[in-house]
Amino acid sequence: MTDPAKVRRHAERVRELVASVVRSQIKDPRLGMITITDARITADLRDATVFYTVLGDAAEQAGTAAALESAKGMLRSTVGKALGLRHSPTLTFVLDNVQDHVKHIDDLLAQARSADAEVQRIAAGAAYAGDAQPYRVDDEPEESDAGSDESDDVSSAARDRR
């Protein structure tokens, strides 16, 4: 088995290498404003998944995906030489839709805020169904002598048994 720390180091190195090569060596005009966000590599160091984001619409995302697929061989050989592994890892590129997730979460938070405001509005005009204080509260505690009489009866009964 491979050490998990070693796998993490290799994944980070793959991310850095792919980002560097994309920035400096790939001259494909289809390549848009791309950011390499993450890379993950399997424990056997054979397959690497590279996550990226693209600034722009769906056409630019599709063009960038095509440019990365066409440059996959050059990227794989560069990564393999730099890592010094026996087998160069196979690269798979996955579009990371961070912006879509952020928008979805913002929409959910806005819905929660509006629901909370509605609940507050309803609660402002609400009244109790019964008394405001449903439990009986005694203003003055009553002192009963019955409790002391019972304890005397119990202790006398215990003496009688002996």
Protein backbone atom coordinates (compact mmCIF):
# COMPACT_ATOMS: atom_id res chain seq x y z
CA MET A 1 0.00 0.00 0.00
CA THR A 2 1.07 3.54 -0.66
CA ASP A 3 1.41 6.04 2.15
CA PRO A 4 -1.55 8.49 2.21
CA ALA A 5 0.81 11.42 2.80
CA LYS A 6 2.76 10.45 -0.30
CA VAL A 7 -0.46 10.26 -2.32
CA ARG A 8 -1.46 13.76 -1.12
CA ARG A 9 1.96 15.14 -2.04
CA HIS A 10 1.74 13.61 -5.50
CA ALA A 11 -1.79 14.97 -5.97
CA GLU A 12 -0.66 18.46 -5.01
CA ARG A 13 2.30 18.17 -7.35
CA VAL A 14 0.01 17.04 -10.20
CA ARG A 15 -2.19 20.08 -9.61
CA GLU A 16 0.80 22.44 -9.68
CA LEU A 17 2.30 20.82 -12.79
CA VAL A 18 -0.93 20.84 -14.77
CA ALA A 19 -1.60 24.47 -13.84
CA SER A 20 1.92 25.46 -14.87
CA VAL A 21 1.78 23.63 -18.20
CA VAL A 22 -1.70 24.98 -19.01
CA ARG A 23 -0.52 28.51 -18.28
CA SER A 24 2.77 28.38 -20.15
CA GLN A 25 2.84 25.66 -22.81
CA ILE A 26 -0.66 25.09 -24.17
CA LYS A 27 -1.38 27.60 -26.92
CA ASP A 28 -4.80 26.27 -27.94
CA PRO A 29 -7.21 29.15 -28.75
CA ARG A 30 -10.14 27.12 -27.37
CA LEU A 31 -8.60 27.29 -23.89
CA GLY A 32 -10.55 29.83 -21.87
CA MET A 33 -9.94 31.47 -18.51
CA ILE A 34 -9.15 28.26 -16.64
CA THR A 35 -8.24 27.64 -13.02
CA ILE A 36 -7.01 24.26 -11.81
CA THR A 37 -8.77 23.89 -8.45
CA ASP A 38 -7.83 20.42 -7.25
CA ALA A 39 -6.24 17.11 -8.18
CA ARG A 40 -6.81 13.69 -6.70
CA ILE A 41 -4.78 10.61 -7.38
CA THR A 42 -5.60 6.99 -6.61
CA ALA A 43 -3.67 5.07 -3.97
CA ASP A 44 -1.86 3.03 -6.65
CA LEU A 45 -0.76 6.30 -8.35
CA ARG A 46 -2.16 5.14 -11.69
CA ASP A 47 -5.12 7.52 -12.20
CA ALA A 48 -5.31 11.23 -11.48
CA THR A 49 -8.43 13.37 -11.61
CA VAL A 50 -7.87 17.08 -12.20
CA PHE A 51 -10.67 19.50 -11.32
CA TYR A 52 -10.89 22.84 -13.09
CA THR A 53 -13.18 25.85 -13.40
CA VAL A 54 -13.73 28.03 -16.45
CA LEU A 55 -14.90 31.62 -16.42
CA GLY A 56 -17.58 32.01 -19.05
CA ASP A 57 -20.62 30.38 -20.57
CA ALA A 58 -21.25 26.79 -21.63
CA ALA A 59 -19.57 27.29 -25.04
CA GLU A 60 -16.33 28.39 -23.40
CA GLN A 61 -16.53 25.47 -20.97
CA ALA A 62 -16.96 23.03 -23.86
CA GLY A 63 -14.05 24.60 -25.77
CA THR A 64 -11.80 24.39 -22.73
CA ALA A 65 -12.77 20.75 -22.17
CA ALA A 66 -11.89 19.97 -25.80
CA ALA A 67 -8.55 21.80 -25.50
CA LEU A 68 -7.65 19.87 -22.35
CA GLU A 69 -8.57 16.56 -23.99
CA SER A 70 -6.35 17.35 -26.98
CA ALA A 71 -3.43 18.32 -24.70
CA LYS A 72 -3.90 15.32 -22.38
CA GLY A 73 -0.93 13.38 -23.84
CA MET A 74 1.52 16.25 -23.41
CA LEU A 75 0.23 16.90 -19.88
CA ARG A 76 0.52 13.22 -18.95
CA SER A 77 4.12 12.95 -20.18
CA THR A 78 5.10 16.16 -18.35
CA VAL A 79 3.50 14.94 -15.11
CA GLY A 80 5.09 11.48 -15.46
CA LYS A 81 8.58 12.89 -15.99
CA ALA A 82 8.27 15.35 -13.12
CA LEU A 83 6.92 12.82 -10.62
CA GLY A 84 9.54 10.21 -11.50
CA LEU A 85 7.09 7.32 -11.22
CA ARG A 86 7.40 4.03 -13.06
CA HIS A 87 3.97 4.58 -14.68
CA SER A 88 2.66 7.99 -15.61
CA PRO A 89 -0.82 8.49 -14.13
CA THR A 90 -3.76 8.69 -16.51
CA LEU A 91 -5.29 12.17 -16.38
CA THR A 92 -9.02 12.77 -16.25
CA PHE A 93 -10.35 16.32 -16.34
CA VAL A 94 -13.56 17.17 -14.48
CA LEU A 95 -15.34 20.52 -14.62
CA ASP A 96 -15.72 21.83 -11.07
CA ASN A 97 -18.97 23.79 -10.94
CA VAL A 98 -18.16 25.80 -7.84
CA GLN A 99 -20.11 28.83 -9.06
CA ASP A 100 -23.24 26.75 -9.60
CA HIS A 101 -22.96 25.27 -6.11
CA VAL A 102 -22.45 28.73 -4.59
CA LYS A 103 -25.51 30.07 -6.42
CA HIS A 104 -27.60 27.11 -5.27
CA ILE A 105 -26.52 27.58 -1.64
CA ASP A 106 -27.24 31.33 -1.84
CA ASP A 107 -30.73 30.56 -3.16
CA LEU A 108 -31.35 28.13 -0.31
CA LEU A 109 -30.18 30.69 2.26
CA ALA A 110 -32.49 33.32 0.75
CA GLN A 111 -35.42 30.90 1.00
CA ALA A 112 -34.56 30.17 4.63
CA ARG A 113 -34.39 33.89 5.43
CA SER A 114 -37.79 34.53 3.86
CA ALA A 115 -39.31 31.55 5.73
CA ASP A 116 -37.84 32.84 9.02
CA ALA A 117 -39.24 36.31 8.35
CA GLU A 118 -42.68 34.79 7.69
CA VAL A 119 -42.52 32.83 10.95
CA GLN A 120 -41.52 35.97 12.85
CA ARG A 121 -44.38 37.91 11.25
CA ILE A 122 -46.89 35.23 12.25
CA ALA A 123 -45.47 34.92 15.77
CA ALA A 124 -45.67 38.69 16.35
CA GLY A 125 -49.48 38.66 16.29
CA ALA A 126 -49.94 35.33 18.06
CA ALA A 127 -51.51 34.89 21.48
CA TYR A 128 -51.27 32.03 23.95
CA ALA A 129 -53.91 29.32 23.62
CA GLY A 130 -54.30 29.14 27.39
CA ASP A 131 -52.81 31.09 30.25
CA ALA A 132 -49.50 32.80 29.74
CA GLN A 133 -48.17 30.74 32.67
CA PRO A 134 -49.74 27.24 32.41
CA TYR A 135 -48.20 25.98 35.65
CA ARG A 136 -49.55 26.88 39.05
CA VAL A 137 -47.22 29.09 40.99
CA ASP A 138 -47.80 29.37 44.73
CA ASP A 139 -47.08 32.79 46.12
CA GLU A 140 -46.72 31.48 49.67
CA PRO A 141 -45.57 27.94 50.34
CA GLU A 142 -47.92 26.08 52.68
CA GLU A 143 -46.39 24.37 55.67
CA SER A 144 -48.01 21.10 56.51
CA ASP A 145 -47.58 19.16 59.67
CA ALA A 146 -48.77 16.00 57.94
CA GLY A 147 -45.30 15.31 56.55
CA SER A 148 -43.70 15.34 60.01
CA ASP A 149 -46.49 13.17 61.43
CA GLU A 150 -45.93 10.56 58.75
CA SER A 151 -42.22 10.34 59.49
CA ASP A 152 -43.00 9.88 63.17
CA ASP A 153 -45.43 7.08 62.30
CA VAL A 154 -42.83 5.34 60.14
CA SER A 155 -40.14 5.51 62.81
CA SER A 156 -42.56 4.20 65.50
CA ALA A 157 -43.59 1.34 63.20
CA ALA A 158 -39.95 0.42 62.74
CA ARG A 159 -39.45 0.36 66.50
CA ASP A 160 -42.48 -1.88 66.98
CA ARG A 161 -41.02 -4.50 64.62
CA ARG A 162 -37.89 -4.88 66.69
